[in-house]
Amino acid sequence: MTELFICKIASPQEMKIKWEYEIAQNEEDKENWIVWKKQSMENYKLGHAIPYYGILEGNIICEATAIVSPKVVQNSTGLVDSHTVYLSAFRTINKFQGKGYFSKLFHFMIDDLRQKGFTKATLGVEPAEEKNKEIYAHYGFTEYIKSGKEYYPDGTVIDVEYYGKTIL
C-alpha cells in the first residue's frame, strides 16, 4: 500500500484534535498545554499564526507553526516583522521521527512563507537542547541573533537562544 502523506495549513478542527493529543501526552504540565492551546487557537483566528501539519493516511503526525505577528512572540524584537517570521512548535510523533516527514513539512512551510513575502525565518531553542540545535543548523538556522528568557504560563522561566536564516 502506498502511504498518503500531505502537508497543509491546519483547519481549526485539525488544530483541536492535535492540541487534545498534546495535552493528553503532557500530563505533568497539562495546565501549560491547556493555556497554549487557547493561545494557539486565538492566534490562528486573529491571523497572528499559521499552523502547518503533516498528515499521514489521515493522522496528524508532525507540525510546525509560523508566527507572523510580534504581538504574540516573547522577545520579538529582531525575531518577527513584516518580512521575518518566527517558527515554533516543531513536533513529530515519536514513531515517525527520522523518516523524512518533518523535512517535507518544513520545506512545504518555507515555500509557502516565501510565497507570502517572508525573506527570513527565526526560531528559539534552549541552550542545552543540543540535538535540536543540530537539527536547526541542518535546516540552515546558523545566524545567532540573541539570547533571552521566556516564561511559561505556570511561571517557569527558560533560557533561549534565537537563530535565523534567509529564505529568499
Protein backbone atom coordinates (compact mmCIF):
# COMPACT_ATOMS: atom_id res chain seq x y z
CA MET A 1 0.00 0.00 0.00
CA THR A 2 1.30 3.45 -0.89
CA GLU A 3 1.20 5.78 2.09
CA LEU A 4 -0.53 9.09 1.59
CA PHE A 5 1.33 11.99 3.24
CA ILE A 6 0.10 15.54 2.77
CA CYS A 7 1.33 18.88 4.06
CA LYS A 8 -1.19 21.64 4.64
CA ILE A 9 -2.22 24.63 6.69
CA ALA A 10 -4.30 23.20 9.51
CA SER A 11 -8.02 23.78 9.92
CA PRO A 12 -9.44 24.77 13.33
CA GLN A 13 -10.87 21.25 13.69
CA GLU A 14 -7.48 19.66 12.99
CA MET A 15 -5.89 22.03 15.49
CA LYS A 16 -8.35 20.94 18.19
CA ILE A 17 -7.54 17.29 17.53
CA LYS A 18 -3.77 17.90 17.67
CA TRP A 19 -3.97 20.04 20.80
CA GLU A 20 -6.06 17.45 22.64
CA TYR A 21 -3.42 14.87 21.72
CA GLU A 22 -0.62 17.11 23.05
CA ILE A 23 -2.49 17.82 26.28
CA ALA A 24 -3.03 14.06 26.84
CA GLN A 25 0.69 13.39 26.14
CA ASN A 26 1.90 16.05 28.59
CA GLU A 27 0.09 15.19 31.79
CA GLU A 28 2.92 16.51 34.04
CA ASP A 29 2.44 20.11 32.86
CA LYS A 30 -1.07 19.83 31.47
CA GLU A 31 -2.07 23.32 32.63
CA ASN A 32 0.61 24.95 30.43
CA TRP A 33 -0.61 22.93 27.43
CA ILE A 34 -4.22 23.97 28.04
CA VAL A 35 -3.17 27.65 28.04
CA TRP A 36 -1.01 27.14 24.92
CA LYS A 37 -3.95 25.51 23.14
CA LYS A 38 -6.17 28.50 23.88
CA GLN A 39 -3.44 30.95 22.78
CA SER A 40 -2.74 28.97 19.61
CA MET A 41 -6.39 28.82 18.59
CA GLU A 42 -6.79 32.56 19.24
CA ASN A 43 -3.58 33.44 17.36
CA TYR A 44 -4.79 31.45 14.36
CA LYS A 45 -8.22 33.10 14.46
CA LEU A 46 -6.66 36.59 14.63
CA GLY A 47 -4.19 35.85 11.81
CA HIS A 48 -1.14 36.04 14.08
CA ALA A 49 -0.03 32.45 13.38
CA ILE A 50 -0.17 29.84 10.63
CA PRO A 51 -0.18 26.19 11.78
CA TYR A 52 1.30 23.68 9.32
CA TYR A 53 0.53 19.98 9.68
CA GLY A 54 1.90 16.83 8.13
CA ILE A 55 -0.87 14.24 7.80
CA LEU A 56 -0.15 10.59 7.06
CA GLU A 57 -3.11 8.47 5.95
CA GLY A 58 -5.50 10.81 7.78
CA ASN A 59 -3.47 11.12 11.00
CA ILE A 60 -1.62 14.26 12.09
CA ILE A 61 1.97 13.13 12.65
CA CYS A 62 4.00 16.35 12.60
CA GLU A 63 3.55 20.08 12.93
CA ALA A 64 5.22 23.47 12.91
CA THR A 65 3.78 26.93 13.48
CA ALA A 66 4.77 30.18 11.78
CA ILE A 67 4.10 33.25 13.89
CA VAL A 68 3.68 36.36 11.78
CA SER A 69 2.89 38.95 14.47
CA PRO A 70 5.34 40.36 17.03
CA LYS A 71 2.39 40.78 19.41
CA VAL A 72 2.49 37.09 20.33
CA VAL A 73 6.24 36.31 20.43
CA GLN A 74 8.25 36.79 23.60
CA ASN A 75 11.42 38.86 22.96
CA SER A 76 10.02 39.66 19.49
CA THR A 77 12.49 42.42 18.51
CA GLY A 78 14.59 41.05 15.65
CA LEU A 79 12.55 37.84 15.53
CA VAL A 80 9.35 38.76 13.69
CA ASP A 81 8.29 41.67 11.50
CA SER A 82 6.72 42.25 8.10
CA HIS A 83 9.44 40.19 6.34
CA THR A 84 10.58 37.93 9.20
CA VAL A 85 8.57 35.01 10.53
CA TYR A 86 9.12 33.22 13.86
CA LEU A 87 8.85 29.43 13.72
CA SER A 88 7.82 27.32 16.69
CA ALA A 89 6.15 24.09 17.81
CA PHE A 90 8.28 21.72 15.73
CA ARG A 91 6.81 18.37 16.77
CA THR A 92 6.73 14.89 15.28
CA ILE A 93 5.12 11.89 16.92
CA ASN A 94 8.00 9.67 18.12
CA LYS A 95 7.38 6.64 15.90
CA PHE A 96 7.50 8.88 12.79
CA GLN A 97 10.73 10.71 13.68
CA GLY A 98 13.74 10.28 11.40
CA LYS A 99 11.68 9.19 8.39
CA GLY A 100 11.68 12.46 6.44
CA TYR A 101 8.11 13.52 7.20
CA PHE A 102 9.03 16.65 9.14
CA SER A 103 11.57 17.58 6.48
CA LYS A 104 8.81 17.53 3.85
CA LEU A 105 6.57 19.62 6.10
CA PHE A 106 9.39 22.09 6.80
CA HIS A 107 10.08 22.63 3.10
CA PHE A 108 6.34 23.00 2.39
CA MET A 109 6.09 25.63 5.14
CA ILE A 110 9.17 27.58 3.98
CA ASP A 111 7.93 27.57 0.37
CA ASP A 112 4.53 28.85 1.49
CA LEU A 113 6.06 31.57 3.67
CA ARG A 114 8.37 32.65 0.85
CA GLN A 115 5.31 32.95 -1.42
CA LYS A 116 3.66 35.10 1.27
CA GLY A 117 6.61 37.52 1.06
CA PHE A 118 8.76 36.50 4.01
CA THR A 119 12.52 36.63 3.44
CA LYS A 120 13.81 35.48 6.83
CA ALA A 121 12.81 32.85 9.39
CA THR A 122 13.82 32.73 13.06
CA LEU A 123 13.37 30.29 15.92
CA GLY A 124 14.35 29.75 19.54
CA VAL A 125 15.99 26.81 21.28
CA GLU A 126 17.09 26.13 24.83
CA PRO A 127 20.92 26.14 25.03
CA ALA A 128 21.06 22.62 26.50
CA GLU A 129 18.96 21.10 23.66
CA GLU A 130 21.99 20.03 21.62
CA LYS A 131 20.05 17.60 19.40
CA ASN A 132 17.55 20.31 18.44
CA LYS A 133 20.34 22.82 17.82
CA GLU A 134 21.98 20.33 15.43
CA ILE A 135 18.68 19.77 13.61
CA TYR A 136 18.07 23.51 13.29
CA ALA A 137 21.62 24.07 11.99
CA HIS A 138 20.96 21.32 9.42
CA TYR A 139 17.94 23.35 8.25
CA GLY A 140 20.14 26.44 7.94
CA PHE A 141 19.42 28.24 11.22
CA THR A 142 23.03 29.23 11.87
CA GLU A 143 22.76 33.01 12.27
CA TYR A 144 22.86 33.69 16.01
CA ILE A 145 20.51 36.60 16.79
CA LYS A 146 20.37 36.92 20.58
CA SER A 147 19.62 35.18 23.88
CA GLY A 148 16.73 35.80 26.22
CA LYS A 149 14.37 34.36 28.78
CA GLU A 150 10.89 33.05 28.07
CA TYR A 151 8.08 32.49 30.55
CA TYR A 152 5.64 29.61 30.62
CA PRO A 153 2.05 30.15 31.80
CA ASP A 154 2.87 28.46 35.14
CA GLY A 155 5.78 30.85 35.77
CA THR A 156 8.59 28.53 34.67
CA VAL A 157 11.46 30.56 33.19
CA ILE A 158 13.70 29.13 30.46
CA ASP A 159 16.81 30.44 28.72
CA VAL A 160 16.51 30.62 24.94
CA GLU A 161 18.95 31.23 22.11
CA TYR A 162 17.49 32.64 18.90
CA TYR A 163 18.74 31.81 15.41
CA GLY A 164 17.74 32.86 11.92
CA LYS A 165 18.12 32.05 8.24
CA THR A 166 17.38 33.77 4.97
CA ILE A 167 14.55 32.13 2.98
CA LEU A 168 14.75 34.08 -0.30
